[in-house]
Amino acid sequence: MEEDEKPKDVWEKAGILLHAGGGLLTAVTVAIIGLIGSNYLKDREITETASRERMQANETNVRIYTELMSKREEAESALRKDMFVSIISSFLRPASASLDEKVLNLELLAYNFHESLNLKPLFLYLEHQINISTDQRKKSYLDRLYTVATEITRKQMLVLEGAGSKIDRVVDLEKLPESPGGIVLEGASMKVEDIERQFTIIVVEADKKTHELKIRLEIRTPQDTLGAVETHVAEFWVGYFDFPMIDNTRLPQDQRCAVVLNAFEASSADITLAYFPGSYASLKEKPYYQEMVQSLMKMNKLVR
């Protein structure tokens, strides 16, 4: 009997020790898990706090930047307004300004407002004033006038070429008298915003005194695979003072095209046809309501 009781006591003691050890192990495990959980929550709180602080800092920076830009635009608008009023006043009071002052004012007006104002009447007016004057410097004034017109055209064409497409053509003016219907230049097909159009330029007449060309522009737009074609015809005069962002032809789907006179010689003329989106036209050229709806629908399709 004593021998049977000894193993039993050993197992009982072992059970007691294991039970106590298990409770201790459980307590240690719970403590470790609690510590890990506490550290995790603390780290997460620190991360979220840092993230909120960064977001608040970014929002503050954006708000400050927006306010600064808004104030800057307001200051620039006020400056441009004062400049415009001061410059245009010199043309409204012709007796108060000399030719030199008028040419200078036109240069300032053209370089600062050429994208939003139709300055052609002012160029023509000043050109006439210079031609009828007896000032010995009239040739210098005319050169300055044509130089600023050429520079404005070049600046606008750089913008339009980047957004659209163009073709260059040379007109043989000596053949014009022999062509009753006008000189038909080589046609071209150009594609802008996935819309392809075919352009044909016909030079109808040339005025060598004013350095202007009378152009008939024919635009054909294929409608479907069955051969249907939409045709638009525009006829107009183009000279050095016709700037493409202002003097252009409106096309369907909020697009534009314009003819630019680059050079006019006794026997030839150099012209460029630009085809570009309507959003690059001058500020005064607002899209029609239907064109705005079509643009929004196109944008929604691209987003999807």
Protein backbone atom coordinates (compact mmCIF):
# COMPACT_ATOMS: atom_id res chain seq x y z
CA MET A 1 0.00 0.00 0.00
CA GLU A 2 2.82 2.40 0.89
CA GLU A 3 4.48 1.77 -2.48
CA ASP A 4 1.20 2.66 -4.31
CA GLU A 5 0.75 5.87 -2.32
CA LYS A 6 4.24 7.24 -3.18
CA PRO A 7 3.68 7.51 -6.97
CA LYS A 8 0.30 9.04 -6.26
CA ASP A 9 1.85 11.72 -4.05
CA VAL A 10 4.43 12.47 -6.74
CA TRP A 11 1.78 12.97 -9.40
CA GLU A 12 -0.31 15.10 -7.10
CA LYS A 13 2.69 17.32 -6.30
CA ALA A 14 3.52 17.54 -9.98
CA GLY A 15 -0.09 18.47 -10.72
CA ILE A 16 -0.03 21.16 -8.06
CA LEU A 17 3.25 22.56 -9.43
CA LEU A 18 1.99 22.50 -13.03
CA HIS A 19 -1.27 24.16 -12.01
CA ALA A 20 0.59 26.90 -10.19
CA GLY A 21 3.07 27.27 -13.08
CA GLY A 22 0.22 27.41 -15.60
CA GLY A 23 -1.44 30.21 -13.68
CA LEU A 24 1.85 32.08 -13.49
CA LEU A 25 2.49 31.52 -17.21
CA THR A 26 -1.02 32.73 -18.01
CA ALA A 27 -0.49 35.85 -15.91
CA VAL A 28 2.87 36.53 -17.55
CA THR A 29 1.36 36.00 -21.02
CA VAL A 30 -1.54 38.32 -20.27
CA ALA A 31 0.89 40.93 -18.93
CA ILE A 32 3.08 40.68 -22.03
CA ILE A 33 0.07 40.91 -24.37
CA GLY A 34 -1.23 43.89 -22.42
CA LEU A 35 2.14 45.59 -22.62
CA ILE A 36 2.39 44.93 -26.37
CA GLY A 37 -1.18 46.14 -26.89
CA SER A 38 -0.53 49.23 -24.82
CA ASN A 39 2.62 50.03 -26.79
CA TYR A 40 0.80 49.44 -30.08
CA LEU A 41 -2.06 51.77 -29.10
CA LYS A 42 0.42 54.37 -27.89
CA ASP A 43 2.40 54.18 -31.15
CA ARG A 44 -0.81 54.37 -33.17
CA GLU A 45 -1.96 57.40 -31.20
CA ILE A 46 1.41 59.07 -31.76
CA THR A 47 1.23 58.28 -35.52
CA GLU A 48 -2.34 59.56 -35.83
CA THR A 49 -1.45 62.70 -33.88
CA ALA A 50 1.56 63.32 -36.15
CA SER A 51 -0.62 62.68 -39.21
CA ARG A 52 -3.27 65.14 -37.99
CA GLU A 53 -0.60 67.73 -37.29
CA ARG A 54 0.84 67.28 -40.81
CA MET A 55 -2.63 67.59 -42.34
CA GLN A 56 -3.34 70.71 -40.31
CA ALA A 57 0.04 72.15 -41.32
CA ASN A 58 -0.65 71.36 -44.99
CA GLU A 59 -4.13 72.91 -44.78
CA THR A 60 -2.64 76.00 -43.16
CA ASN A 61 0.05 76.24 -45.85
CA VAL A 62 -2.52 75.80 -48.63
CA ARG A 63 -4.78 78.45 -47.09
CA ILE A 64 -1.90 80.89 -46.71
CA TYR A 65 -0.71 80.18 -50.29
CA THR A 66 -4.23 80.64 -51.64
CA GLU A 67 -4.65 83.91 -49.80
CA LEU A 68 -1.29 85.16 -51.03
CA MET A 69 -2.07 84.17 -54.64
CA SER A 70 -5.51 85.77 -54.38
CA LYS A 71 -4.03 89.01 -53.08
CA ARG A 72 -1.35 88.88 -55.75
CA GLU A 73 -3.94 88.42 -58.50
CA GLU A 74 -6.00 91.27 -57.07
CA ALA A 75 -2.93 93.52 -57.04
CA GLU A 76 -2.02 92.52 -60.61
CA SER A 77 -5.60 93.09 -61.78
CA ALA A 78 -5.65 96.52 -60.18
CA LEU A 79 -2.29 97.36 -61.77
CA ARG A 80 -3.41 96.14 -65.20
CA LYS A 81 -6.65 98.11 -64.86
CA ASP A 82 -4.80 101.32 -64.01
CA MET A 83 -2.34 100.68 -66.83
CA PHE A 84 -5.14 100.06 -69.32
CA VAL A 85 -7.04 103.20 -68.34
CA SER A 86 -3.88 105.32 -68.49
CA ILE A 87 -2.84 103.97 -71.90
CA ILE A 88 -6.24 104.08 -73.56
CA SER A 89 -6.75 107.67 -72.37
CA SER A 90 -3.89 108.79 -74.60
CA PHE A 91 -5.80 107.56 -77.66
CA LEU A 92 -9.08 109.09 -76.55
CA ARG A 93 -7.35 112.48 -76.23
CA PRO A 94 -5.32 112.58 -79.49
CA ALA A 95 -4.16 116.17 -79.08
CA SER A 96 -2.47 115.38 -75.78
CA ALA A 97 0.03 112.84 -77.09
CA SER A 98 2.71 112.82 -79.79
CA LEU A 99 3.22 110.02 -82.31
CA ASP A 100 6.13 108.70 -80.29
CA GLU A 101 3.97 108.50 -77.15
CA LYS A 102 1.14 106.83 -79.07
CA VAL A 103 3.45 104.18 -80.53
CA LEU A 104 4.92 103.53 -77.10
CA ASN A 105 1.46 103.26 -75.54
CA LEU A 106 0.35 100.86 -78.26
CA GLU A 107 3.41 98.71 -77.60
CA LEU A 108 2.58 98.59 -73.88
CA LEU A 109 -1.07 97.85 -74.63
CA ALA A 110 -0.27 95.11 -77.15
CA TYR A 111 2.34 93.30 -75.06
CA ASN A 112 0.13 93.29 -71.96
CA PHE A 113 -3.40 92.82 -73.34
CA HIS A 114 -3.01 91.11 -76.73
CA GLU A 115 -4.80 87.92 -75.55
CA SER A 116 -7.96 89.68 -74.42
CA LEU A 117 -8.40 92.74 -76.66
CA ASN A 118 -8.96 93.16 -80.37
CA LEU A 119 -6.25 95.69 -81.08
CA LYS A 120 -6.56 95.69 -84.88
CA PRO A 121 -8.63 98.94 -85.05
CA LEU A 122 -6.04 100.68 -82.89
CA PHE A 123 -3.17 99.43 -85.08
CA LEU A 124 -4.98 100.60 -88.23
CA TYR A 125 -5.78 103.98 -86.67
CA LEU A 126 -2.20 104.59 -85.60
CA GLU A 127 -0.87 103.38 -88.96
CA HIS A 128 -3.10 105.94 -90.69
CA GLN A 129 -1.99 108.69 -88.30
CA ILE A 130 1.65 107.92 -89.03
CA ASN A 131 1.13 107.82 -92.81
CA ILE A 132 -0.56 111.22 -92.95
CA SER A 133 1.93 112.86 -90.59
CA THR A 134 4.86 114.98 -91.72
CA ASP A 135 7.17 113.68 -89.02
CA GLN A 136 10.59 112.74 -90.40
CA ARG A 137 10.61 109.67 -88.15
CA LYS A 138 7.44 108.17 -89.65
CA LYS A 139 9.33 105.22 -91.18
CA SER A 140 10.78 104.39 -87.78
CA TYR A 141 7.31 104.53 -86.24
CA LEU A 142 5.89 102.23 -88.92
CA ASP A 143 8.73 99.76 -88.40
CA ARG A 144 7.99 99.71 -84.66
CA LEU A 145 4.31 99.17 -85.41
CA TYR A 146 4.96 96.19 -87.69
CA THR A 147 7.56 94.78 -85.31
CA VAL A 148 5.19 94.67 -82.35
CA ALA A 149 2.45 93.16 -84.54
CA THR A 150 4.84 90.45 -85.77
CA GLU A 151 6.01 89.72 -82.24
CA ILE A 152 2.46 89.39 -80.90
CA THR A 153 1.55 87.03 -83.74
CA ARG A 154 4.66 84.94 -83.05
CA LYS A 155 3.85 84.66 -79.34
CA GLN A 156 0.27 83.62 -79.99
CA MET A 157 1.28 81.10 -82.64
CA LEU A 158 3.72 79.43 -80.25
CA VAL A 159 0.85 78.80 -77.85
CA LEU A 160 -1.57 77.64 -80.54
CA GLU A 161 0.97 75.33 -82.20
CA GLY A 162 1.56 73.57 -78.88
CA ALA A 163 -2.16 72.92 -78.44
CA GLY A 164 -3.12 72.25 -82.05
CA SER A 165 -1.63 71.91 -85.51
CA LYS A 166 -0.54 74.15 -88.38
CA ILE A 167 0.48 74.25 -92.04
CA ASP A 168 2.64 76.81 -93.87
CA ARG A 169 2.02 77.92 -97.43
CA VAL A 170 3.66 80.36 -99.89
CA VAL A 171 1.46 82.35 -102.29
CA ASP A 172 2.80 83.29 -105.72
CA LEU A 173 1.19 86.71 -106.16
CA GLU A 174 2.38 87.01 -109.77
CA LYS A 175 0.00 84.19 -110.76
CA LEU A 176 -3.00 85.83 -109.10
CA PRO A 177 -4.05 88.00 -112.10
CA GLU A 178 -4.02 84.86 -114.25
CA SER A 179 -6.35 83.00 -111.84
CA PRO A 180 -9.90 84.44 -112.01
CA GLY A 181 -11.18 82.12 -109.31
CA GLY A 182 -8.15 82.64 -107.11
CA ILE A 183 -5.06 80.57 -106.37
CA VAL A 184 -5.91 77.21 -104.78
CA LEU A 185 -3.11 76.24 -102.42
CA GLU A 186 -2.21 72.69 -101.55
CA GLY A 187 -4.79 71.25 -99.16
CA ALA A 188 -4.00 69.59 -95.85
CA SER A 189 -5.64 67.30 -93.32
CA MET A 190 -5.10 68.10 -89.62
CA LYS A 191 -6.31 66.36 -86.47
CA VAL A 192 -6.93 68.05 -83.12
CA GLU A 193 -8.71 66.46 -80.13
CA ASP A 194 -9.45 63.36 -82.22
CA ILE A 195 -11.34 65.47 -84.80
CA GLU A 196 -9.85 65.40 -88.27
CA ARG A 197 -10.64 68.16 -90.74
CA GLN A 198 -9.52 68.85 -94.31
CA PHE A 199 -8.51 72.44 -95.09
CA THR A 200 -8.28 74.16 -98.46
CA ILE A 201 -6.99 77.75 -98.77
CA ILE A 202 -7.92 79.83 -101.80
CA VAL A 203 -6.26 83.25 -102.22
CA VAL A 204 -8.88 85.35 -104.01
CA GLU A 205 -7.29 88.81 -104.01
CA ALA A 206 -4.25 90.73 -102.81
CA ASP A 207 -3.98 94.37 -101.79
CA LYS A 208 -0.33 95.36 -102.19
CA LYS A 209 -0.95 98.79 -100.74
CA THR A 210 -2.30 97.58 -97.38
CA HIS A 211 -0.41 94.25 -97.49
CA GLU A 212 -3.55 92.17 -97.11
CA LEU A 213 -4.87 88.98 -98.69
CA LYS A 214 -8.47 88.02 -99.30
CA ILE A 215 -8.83 84.37 -98.30
CA ARG A 216 -11.57 81.83 -98.88
CA LEU A 217 -11.17 78.96 -96.45
CA GLU A 218 -12.97 75.67 -97.04
CA ILE A 219 -13.15 73.17 -94.15
CA ARG A 220 -14.47 69.63 -94.63
CA THR A 221 -15.15 67.35 -91.68
CA PRO A 222 -15.93 63.65 -92.33
CA GLN A 223 -19.00 62.62 -90.30
CA ASP A 224 -19.07 58.81 -90.63
CA THR A 225 -17.74 55.84 -92.57
CA LEU A 226 -20.49 56.22 -95.22
CA GLY A 227 -18.79 59.23 -96.74
CA ALA A 228 -20.89 62.03 -95.26
CA VAL A 229 -18.94 65.31 -95.04
CA GLU A 230 -19.76 68.53 -93.22
CA THR A 231 -18.48 71.62 -95.06
CA HIS A 232 -17.81 75.12 -93.75
CA VAL A 233 -16.71 78.09 -95.89
CA ALA A 234 -15.33 81.38 -94.57
CA GLU A 235 -14.12 84.38 -96.55
CA PHE A 236 -12.11 87.22 -95.00
CA TRP A 237 -9.17 89.60 -95.35
CA VAL A 238 -5.98 88.90 -93.41
CA GLY A 239 -3.10 91.28 -92.75
CA TYR A 240 -0.31 91.91 -90.27
CA PHE A 241 -2.74 93.18 -87.63
CA ASP A 242 -4.96 90.08 -87.56
CA PHE A 243 -3.92 88.07 -84.50
CA PRO A 244 -4.94 84.38 -84.43
CA MET A 245 -6.29 84.26 -80.86
CA ILE A 246 -8.65 87.12 -81.70
CA ASP A 247 -9.31 86.93 -85.45
CA ASN A 248 -10.23 83.31 -86.03
CA THR A 249 -13.00 81.18 -87.52
CA ARG A 250 -15.29 79.31 -85.13
CA LEU A 251 -15.79 75.63 -85.90
CA PRO A 252 -18.23 73.08 -84.43
CA GLN A 253 -17.32 71.27 -81.19
CA ASP A 254 -15.60 74.35 -79.75
CA GLN A 255 -12.65 74.50 -82.13
CA ARG A 256 -11.06 77.34 -84.08
CA CYS A 257 -8.84 77.94 -87.11
CA ALA A 258 -7.01 81.08 -88.15
CA VAL A 259 -4.88 82.29 -91.05
CA VAL A 260 -1.79 84.36 -90.22
CA LEU A 261 0.17 86.57 -92.59
CA ASN A 262 3.88 86.09 -91.91
CA ALA A 263 5.37 88.09 -94.79
CA PHE A 264 4.14 90.10 -97.78
CA GLU A 265 6.52 90.79 -100.62
CA ALA A 266 6.01 92.22 -104.09
CA SER A 267 5.80 88.79 -105.72
CA SER A 268 4.90 86.43 -102.88
CA ALA A 269 3.31 86.11 -99.48
CA ASP A 270 3.95 83.67 -96.64
CA ILE A 271 0.93 82.49 -94.61
CA THR A 272 0.20 79.95 -91.86
CA LEU A 273 -3.06 78.15 -91.08
CA ALA A 274 -3.52 77.20 -87.41
CA TYR A 275 -6.11 74.69 -86.18
CA PHE A 276 -6.58 74.64 -82.40
CA PRO A 277 -9.05 74.05 -79.51
CA GLY A 278 -11.49 76.83 -78.72
CA SER A 279 -10.20 77.04 -75.14
CA TYR A 280 -7.08 78.74 -76.52
CA ALA A 281 -9.01 81.55 -78.18
CA SER A 282 -9.08 85.00 -76.59
CA LEU A 283 -10.93 85.68 -73.34
CA LYS A 284 -13.71 87.46 -75.23
CA GLU A 285 -14.43 84.32 -77.27
CA LYS A 286 -16.76 82.42 -74.95
CA PRO A 287 -17.99 78.94 -75.91
CA TYR A 288 -21.70 78.46 -76.55
CA TYR A 289 -23.80 76.61 -73.96
CA GLN A 290 -24.09 73.53 -76.16
CA GLU A 291 -20.32 73.41 -76.68
CA MET A 292 -19.77 73.60 -72.91
CA VAL A 293 -22.15 70.67 -72.37
CA GLN A 294 -20.35 68.63 -75.03
CA SER A 295 -16.98 69.35 -73.39
CA LEU A 296 -18.29 68.28 -69.97
CA MET A 297 -19.71 65.05 -71.43
CA LYS A 298 -16.37 64.33 -73.11
CA MET A 299 -14.52 64.88 -69.82
CA ASN A 300 -16.92 62.53 -67.98
CA LYS A 301 -16.23 59.79 -70.54
CA LEU A 302 -12.48 60.21 -70.06
CA VAL A 303 -12.84 59.95 -66.26
CA ARG A 304 -14.82 56.74 -66.53
